[in-house]
Amino acid sequence: MVKLIKSLLKDNGGASAAEYALILAIVGTAIAGASILLGESISDAITDASTCISSQGADCPEAGGGDAGGDAGGDAGGDAGGDAGGA
């Protein structure tokens, strides 16, 4: 019995378990922090998708970057070409 207690006191295997627990705590904290920071953005994206589906596409942004990216490129190119051709 005494030999068992001495061997348990000398055993350093518990140190690796403590290190794993510390790593798990750090990773868990990082995941929780990221979910708190990104939660509103994810919620907004899911709400937008739900609105798009329930409206059968009437309230959906354009594919390929949304309304701002698609409209700005098309309008700028068309206006510049029309002005140059008319001058």
C-alpha atoms as a PDB file:
ATOM      1  CA  MET A   1       0.000   0.000   0.000  1.00  0.00           C
ATOM      2  CA  VAL A   2       2.824   2.371   0.846  1.00  0.00           C
ATOM      3  CA  LYS A   3       4.494   1.596  -2.490  1.00  0.00           C
ATOM      4  CA  LEU A   4       1.280   2.515  -4.313  1.00  0.00           C
ATOM      5  CA  ILE A   5       1.051   5.894  -2.579  1.00  0.00           C
ATOM      6  CA  LYS A   6       4.726   6.630  -3.284  1.00  0.00           C
ATOM      7  CA  SER A   7       4.298   5.726  -6.939  1.00  0.00           C
ATOM      8  CA  LEU A   8       1.225   7.967  -7.197  1.00  0.00           C
ATOM      9  CA  LEU A   9       3.131  10.875  -5.635  1.00  0.00           C
ATOM     10  CA  LYS A  10       5.987  10.456  -8.119  1.00  0.00           C
ATOM     11  CA  ASP A  11       3.682  10.058 -11.123  1.00  0.00           C
ATOM     12  CA  ASN A  12       3.768  13.116 -13.422  1.00  0.00           C
ATOM     13  CA  GLY A  13       1.006  11.883 -15.738  1.00  0.00           C
ATOM     14  CA  GLY A  14      -1.485  14.228 -14.103  1.00  0.00           C
ATOM     15  CA  ALA A  15       0.440  17.218 -15.409  1.00  0.00           C
ATOM     16  CA  SER A  16      -0.471  16.371 -18.991  1.00  0.00           C
ATOM     17  CA  ALA A  17      -4.139  16.049 -18.023  1.00  0.00           C
ATOM     18  CA  ALA A  18      -3.994  19.485 -16.420  1.00  0.00           C
ATOM     19  CA  GLU A  19      -2.417  20.901 -19.569  1.00  0.00           C
ATOM     20  CA  TYR A  20      -5.173  19.398 -21.719  1.00  0.00           C
ATOM     21  CA  ALA A  21      -7.782  20.884 -19.406  1.00  0.00           C
ATOM     22  CA  LEU A  22      -6.133  24.309 -19.721  1.00  0.00           C
ATOM     23  CA  ILE A  23      -6.055  24.054 -23.523  1.00  0.00           C
ATOM     24  CA  LEU A  24      -9.702  22.993 -23.530  1.00  0.00           C
ATOM     25  CA  ALA A  25     -10.615  25.985 -21.374  1.00  0.00           C
ATOM     26  CA  ILE A  26      -8.761  28.394 -23.681  1.00  0.00           C
ATOM     27  CA  VAL A  27     -10.341  26.948 -26.826  1.00  0.00           C
ATOM     28  CA  GLY A  28     -13.774  26.967 -25.209  1.00  0.00           C
ATOM     29  CA  THR A  29     -13.369  30.601 -24.222  1.00  0.00           C
ATOM     30  CA  ALA A  30     -12.302  31.510 -27.766  1.00  0.00           C
ATOM     31  CA  ILE A  31     -15.333  29.752 -29.260  1.00  0.00           C
ATOM     32  CA  ALA A  32     -17.675  31.449 -26.792  1.00  0.00           C
ATOM     33  CA  GLY A  33     -16.139  34.849 -27.515  1.00  0.00           C
ATOM     34  CA  ALA A  34     -16.397  34.373 -31.274  1.00  0.00           C
ATOM     35  CA  SER A  35     -20.028  33.311 -31.014  1.00  0.00           C
ATOM     36  CA  ILE A  36     -20.828  36.392 -28.945  1.00  0.00           C
ATOM     37  CA  LEU A  37     -19.062  38.720 -31.394  1.00  0.00           C
ATOM     38  CA  LEU A  38     -20.480  37.097 -34.537  1.00  0.00           C
ATOM     39  CA  GLY A  39     -23.895  36.221 -33.140  1.00  0.00           C
ATOM     40  CA  GLU A  40     -25.683  39.338 -34.376  1.00  0.00           C
ATOM     41  CA  SER A  41     -24.213  39.077 -37.872  1.00  0.00           C
ATOM     42  CA  ILE A  42     -25.200  35.429 -38.147  1.00  0.00           C
ATOM     43  CA  SER A  43     -28.676  36.192 -36.818  1.00  0.00           C
ATOM     44  CA  ASP A  44     -29.116  38.993 -39.367  1.00  0.00           C
ATOM     45  CA  ALA A  45     -28.001  36.730 -42.218  1.00  0.00           C
ATOM     46  CA  ILE A  46     -30.438  34.004 -41.183  1.00  0.00           C
ATOM     47  CA  THR A  47     -33.268  36.550 -40.873  1.00  0.00           C
ATOM     48  CA  ASP A  48     -32.483  37.910 -44.355  1.00  0.00           C
ATOM     49  CA  ALA A  49     -32.480  34.391 -45.795  1.00  0.00           C
ATOM     50  CA  SER A  50     -35.778  33.613 -44.086  1.00  0.00           C
ATOM     51  CA  THR A  51     -37.354  36.810 -45.461  1.00  0.00           C
ATOM     52  CA  CYS A  52     -36.078  35.984 -48.945  1.00  0.00           C
ATOM     53  CA  ILE A  53     -37.539  32.481 -48.800  1.00  0.00           C
ATOM     54  CA  SER A  54     -40.904  33.540 -47.372  1.00  0.00           C
ATOM     55  CA  SER A  55     -41.303  36.347 -49.944  1.00  0.00           C
ATOM     56  CA  GLN A  56     -40.526  33.909 -52.773  1.00  0.00           C
ATOM     57  CA  GLY A  57     -37.617  36.020 -53.973  1.00  0.00           C
ATOM     58  CA  ALA A  58     -39.261  39.448 -53.966  1.00  0.00           C
ATOM     59  CA  ASP A  59     -37.097  40.803 -51.129  1.00  0.00           C
ATOM     60  CA  CYS A  60     -33.826  39.072 -52.036  1.00  0.00           C
ATOM     61  CA  PRO A  61     -30.599  40.927 -52.794  1.00  0.00           C
ATOM     62  CA  GLU A  62     -29.034  40.343 -56.196  1.00  0.00           C
ATOM     63  CA  ALA A  63     -26.598  37.469 -56.519  1.00  0.00           C
ATOM     64  CA  GLY A  64     -22.915  38.283 -56.639  1.00  0.00           C
ATOM     65  CA  GLY A  65     -22.421  40.802 -53.870  1.00  0.00           C
ATOM     66  CA  GLY A  66     -25.788  42.371 -53.177  1.00  0.00           C
ATOM     67  CA  ASP A  67     -27.584  45.449 -54.476  1.00  0.00           C
ATOM     68  CA  ALA A  68     -24.806  48.015 -54.004  1.00  0.00           C
ATOM     69  CA  GLY A  69     -22.131  46.115 -55.916  1.00  0.00           C
ATOM     70  CA  GLY A  70     -24.329  45.135 -58.848  1.00  0.00           C
ATOM     71  CA  ASP A  71     -26.027  48.510 -59.349  1.00  0.00           C
ATOM     72  CA  ALA A  72     -22.919  50.655 -58.946  1.00  0.00           C
ATOM     73  CA  GLY A  73     -20.986  48.749 -61.602  1.00  0.00           C
ATOM     74  CA  GLY A  74     -23.814  48.699 -64.127  1.00  0.00           C
ATOM     75  CA  ASP A  75     -24.856  52.340 -63.725  1.00  0.00           C
ATOM     76  CA  ALA A  76     -21.349  53.765 -63.758  1.00  0.00           C
ATOM     77  CA  GLY A  77     -20.398  51.875 -66.907  1.00  0.00           C
ATOM     78  CA  GLY A  78     -23.607  52.730 -68.743  1.00  0.00           C
ATOM     79  CA  ASP A  79     -23.546  56.426 -67.879  1.00  0.00           C
ATOM     80  CA  ALA A  80     -19.898  56.891 -68.750  1.00  0.00           C
ATOM     81  CA  GLY A  81     -20.349  55.131 -72.094  1.00  0.00           C
ATOM     82  CA  GLY A  82     -23.451  57.140 -72.983  1.00  0.00           C
ATOM     83  CA  ASP A  83     -21.843  60.486 -72.146  1.00  0.00           C
ATOM     84  CA  ALA A  84     -18.701  59.696 -74.085  1.00  0.00           C
ATOM     85  CA  GLY A  85     -20.663  58.578 -77.131  1.00  0.00           C
ATOM     86  CA  GLY A  86     -22.891  61.667 -77.095  1.00  0.00           C
ATOM     87  CA  ALA A  87     -19.983  64.103 -76.848  1.00  0.00           C
END
